[in-house]
Amino acid sequence: MDLFINGQPRSFPQLAAGATLNDLLTALALKADRVAVEHNGSIVGRPAWVTTPLASGDKLEIVHFVGGGS
């Protein structure tokens, strides 16, 4: 599956038709509690990740939150 993530084309041969947003985040090894996702211009809430289907050509913006400081 070919997707655009944060404006960059990326290929995910391991994602078949019917893959979900949750499958993508697993493939990217991102922790669910540390990311926010926009799918084709709409923010997707965490509970909907398992039911949000992906299709080749979809555009995603993924923001990864990083903690730090003292």
N, C-alpha and C. Protein backbone atom coordinates (compact mmCIF):
# COMPACT_ATOMS: atom_id res chain seq x y z
N MET A 1 0.85 -1.17 0.00
CA MET A 1 0.00 0.00 0.00
C MET A 1 0.89 1.24 0.00
N ASP A 2 0.56 2.19 -0.84
CA ASP A 2 1.32 3.44 -0.94
C ASP A 2 0.51 4.56 -0.27
N LEU A 3 1.14 5.21 0.69
CA LEU A 3 0.50 6.26 1.46
C LEU A 3 1.39 7.50 1.48
N PHE A 4 0.80 8.64 1.80
CA PHE A 4 1.56 9.86 2.03
C PHE A 4 1.49 10.14 3.52
N ILE A 5 2.64 10.12 4.18
CA ILE A 5 2.70 10.37 5.61
C ILE A 5 3.52 11.62 5.85
N ASN A 6 2.88 12.61 6.46
CA ASN A 6 3.51 13.91 6.70
C ASN A 6 4.13 14.47 5.42
N GLY A 7 3.38 14.32 4.31
CA GLY A 7 3.80 14.87 3.04
C GLY A 7 4.78 14.04 2.25
N GLN A 8 5.23 12.92 2.79
CA GLN A 8 6.23 12.09 2.13
C GLN A 8 5.60 10.78 1.64
N PRO A 9 5.88 10.38 0.40
CA PRO A 9 5.36 9.09 -0.06
C PRO A 9 6.06 7.94 0.66
N ARG A 10 5.28 6.98 1.10
CA ARG A 10 5.83 5.79 1.78
C ARG A 10 5.10 4.57 1.25
N SER A 11 5.82 3.48 1.16
CA SER A 11 5.24 2.23 0.69
C SER A 11 5.22 1.23 1.84
N PHE A 12 4.10 0.52 2.00
CA PHE A 12 3.93 -0.47 3.05
C PHE A 12 3.44 -1.77 2.43
N PRO A 13 4.36 -2.58 1.90
CA PRO A 13 3.94 -3.83 1.25
C PRO A 13 3.27 -4.81 2.22
N GLN A 14 3.51 -4.66 3.51
CA GLN A 14 2.92 -5.56 4.49
C GLN A 14 1.45 -5.24 4.77
N LEU A 15 0.96 -4.08 4.32
CA LEU A 15 -0.43 -3.70 4.53
C LEU A 15 -1.25 -4.07 3.30
N ALA A 16 -2.19 -4.96 3.49
CA ALA A 16 -3.05 -5.41 2.39
C ALA A 16 -4.32 -4.58 2.35
N ALA A 17 -5.11 -4.79 1.32
CA ALA A 17 -6.41 -4.13 1.22
C ALA A 17 -7.21 -4.46 2.47
N GLY A 18 -7.89 -3.47 3.00
CA GLY A 18 -8.66 -3.67 4.22
C GLY A 18 -7.89 -3.36 5.49
N ALA A 19 -6.62 -2.96 5.34
CA ALA A 19 -5.83 -2.59 6.52
C ALA A 19 -6.43 -1.34 7.16
N THR A 20 -6.26 -1.23 8.45
CA THR A 20 -6.81 -0.09 9.18
C THR A 20 -5.69 0.86 9.63
N LEU A 21 -6.11 1.99 10.12
CA LEU A 21 -5.17 2.96 10.67
C LEU A 21 -4.37 2.34 11.81
N ASN A 22 -5.02 1.52 12.61
CA ASN A 22 -4.33 0.84 13.70
C ASN A 22 -3.23 -0.08 13.17
N ASP A 23 -3.49 -0.77 12.06
CA ASP A 23 -2.48 -1.63 11.43
C ASP A 23 -1.26 -0.82 11.00
N LEU A 24 -1.51 0.36 10.46
CA LEU A 24 -0.40 1.23 10.04
C LEU A 24 0.43 1.66 11.23
N LEU A 25 -0.21 2.10 12.29
CA LEU A 25 0.53 2.55 13.46
C LEU A 25 1.34 1.41 14.08
N THR A 26 0.80 0.20 14.01
CA THR A 26 1.55 -0.97 14.48
C THR A 26 2.78 -1.19 13.59
N ALA A 27 2.59 -1.07 12.27
CA ALA A 27 3.71 -1.25 11.33
C ALA A 27 4.79 -0.19 11.55
N LEU A 28 4.37 1.00 11.98
CA LEU A 28 5.33 2.08 12.24
C LEU A 28 5.91 2.01 13.65
N ALA A 29 5.43 1.05 14.45
CA ALA A 29 5.88 0.86 15.84
C ALA A 29 5.69 2.13 16.68
N LEU A 30 4.54 2.79 16.47
CA LEU A 30 4.22 3.97 17.25
C LEU A 30 3.30 3.61 18.40
N LYS A 31 3.56 4.19 19.55
CA LYS A 31 2.72 3.94 20.72
C LYS A 31 1.46 4.80 20.63
N ALA A 32 0.32 4.16 20.76
CA ALA A 32 -0.96 4.83 20.57
C ALA A 32 -1.17 6.02 21.50
N ASP A 33 -0.63 5.94 22.69
CA ASP A 33 -0.86 7.04 23.64
C ASP A 33 0.02 8.25 23.38
N ARG A 34 0.84 8.19 22.34
CA ARG A 34 1.76 9.29 22.07
C ARG A 34 1.61 9.90 20.68
N VAL A 35 0.52 9.56 19.98
CA VAL A 35 0.35 10.10 18.64
C VAL A 35 -1.06 10.65 18.44
N ALA A 36 -1.17 11.56 17.50
CA ALA A 36 -2.45 12.06 17.00
C ALA A 36 -2.39 11.89 15.48
N VAL A 37 -3.55 11.55 14.89
CA VAL A 37 -3.56 11.23 13.47
C VAL A 37 -4.67 11.98 12.74
N GLU A 38 -4.28 12.54 11.59
CA GLU A 38 -5.24 13.13 10.65
C GLU A 38 -5.23 12.26 9.41
N HIS A 39 -6.40 11.84 8.96
CA HIS A 39 -6.54 10.95 7.81
C HIS A 39 -7.36 11.67 6.74
N ASN A 40 -6.73 11.96 5.62
CA ASN A 40 -7.40 12.66 4.51
C ASN A 40 -8.12 13.92 4.98
N GLY A 41 -7.46 14.68 5.85
CA GLY A 41 -7.99 15.97 6.27
C GLY A 41 -8.87 15.96 7.50
N SER A 42 -9.14 14.79 8.06
CA SER A 42 -9.99 14.70 9.26
C SER A 42 -9.23 14.04 10.40
N ILE A 43 -9.31 14.65 11.57
CA ILE A 43 -8.67 14.05 12.74
C ILE A 43 -9.46 12.81 13.13
N VAL A 44 -8.73 11.74 13.42
CA VAL A 44 -9.36 10.47 13.77
C VAL A 44 -9.09 10.21 15.25
N GLY A 45 -10.14 10.06 16.02
CA GLY A 45 -10.01 9.75 17.43
C GLY A 45 -9.47 8.34 17.64
N ARG A 46 -8.74 8.16 18.70
CA ARG A 46 -8.10 6.88 19.00
C ARG A 46 -9.07 5.69 18.93
N PRO A 47 -10.30 5.78 19.46
CA PRO A 47 -11.20 4.62 19.39
C PRO A 47 -11.55 4.20 17.95
N ALA A 48 -11.47 5.12 17.00
CA ALA A 48 -11.83 4.81 15.61
C ALA A 48 -10.67 4.24 14.80
N TRP A 49 -9.47 4.19 15.35
CA TRP A 49 -8.33 3.69 14.59
C TRP A 49 -8.53 2.26 14.10
N VAL A 50 -9.16 1.42 14.90
CA VAL A 50 -9.32 0.01 14.52
C VAL A 50 -10.37 -0.19 13.44
N THR A 51 -11.19 0.82 13.20
CA THR A 51 -12.24 0.69 12.18
C THR A 51 -12.04 1.63 10.99
N THR A 52 -10.98 2.42 11.00
CA THR A 52 -10.73 3.37 9.91
C THR A 52 -9.90 2.68 8.83
N PRO A 53 -10.52 2.37 7.68
CA PRO A 53 -9.79 1.67 6.62
C PRO A 53 -8.85 2.61 5.88
N LEU A 54 -7.76 2.03 5.39
CA LEU A 54 -6.81 2.78 4.58
C LEU A 54 -6.91 2.31 3.14
N ALA A 55 -6.61 3.21 2.21
CA ALA A 55 -6.56 2.88 0.80
C ALA A 55 -5.29 3.51 0.22
N SER A 56 -4.74 2.88 -0.77
CA SER A 56 -3.55 3.41 -1.41
C SER A 56 -3.81 4.84 -1.85
N GLY A 57 -2.86 5.74 -1.58
CA GLY A 57 -2.99 7.14 -1.93
C GLY A 57 -3.51 8.01 -0.81
N ASP A 58 -3.95 7.40 0.30
CA ASP A 58 -4.43 8.18 1.44
C ASP A 58 -3.33 9.09 1.95
N LYS A 59 -3.75 10.23 2.50
CA LYS A 59 -2.83 11.21 3.08
C LYS A 59 -3.03 11.25 4.59
N LEU A 60 -1.93 11.06 5.31
CA LEU A 60 -1.98 11.06 6.77
C LEU A 60 -0.97 12.04 7.33
N GLU A 61 -1.37 12.69 8.38
CA GLU A 61 -0.45 13.51 9.17
C GLU A 61 -0.40 12.84 10.54
N ILE A 62 0.79 12.48 10.95
CA ILE A 62 0.97 11.81 12.25
C ILE A 62 1.88 12.66 13.10
N VAL A 63 1.36 13.07 14.25
CA VAL A 63 2.12 13.89 15.19
C VAL A 63 2.49 12.99 16.37
N HIS A 64 3.78 12.94 16.65
CA HIS A 64 4.28 12.10 17.74
C HIS A 64 4.69 13.00 18.89
N PHE A 65 4.07 12.82 20.04
CA PHE A 65 4.37 13.63 21.19
C PHE A 65 5.60 13.07 21.92
N VAL A 66 6.47 13.97 22.31
CA VAL A 66 7.70 13.59 23.01
C VAL A 66 7.73 14.30 24.35
N GLY A 67 7.99 13.55 25.40
CA GLY A 67 8.11 14.15 26.72
C GLY A 67 9.56 14.50 27.00
N GLY A 68 9.75 15.26 28.01
CA GLY A 68 11.11 15.59 28.38
C GLY A 68 11.14 16.75 29.34
N GLY A 69 12.32 17.18 29.62
CA GLY A 69 12.49 18.29 30.55
C GLY A 69 12.71 17.79 31.97
N SER A 70 12.82 18.71 32.85
CA SER A 70 13.05 18.30 34.25
C SER A 70 12.14 19.05 35.19
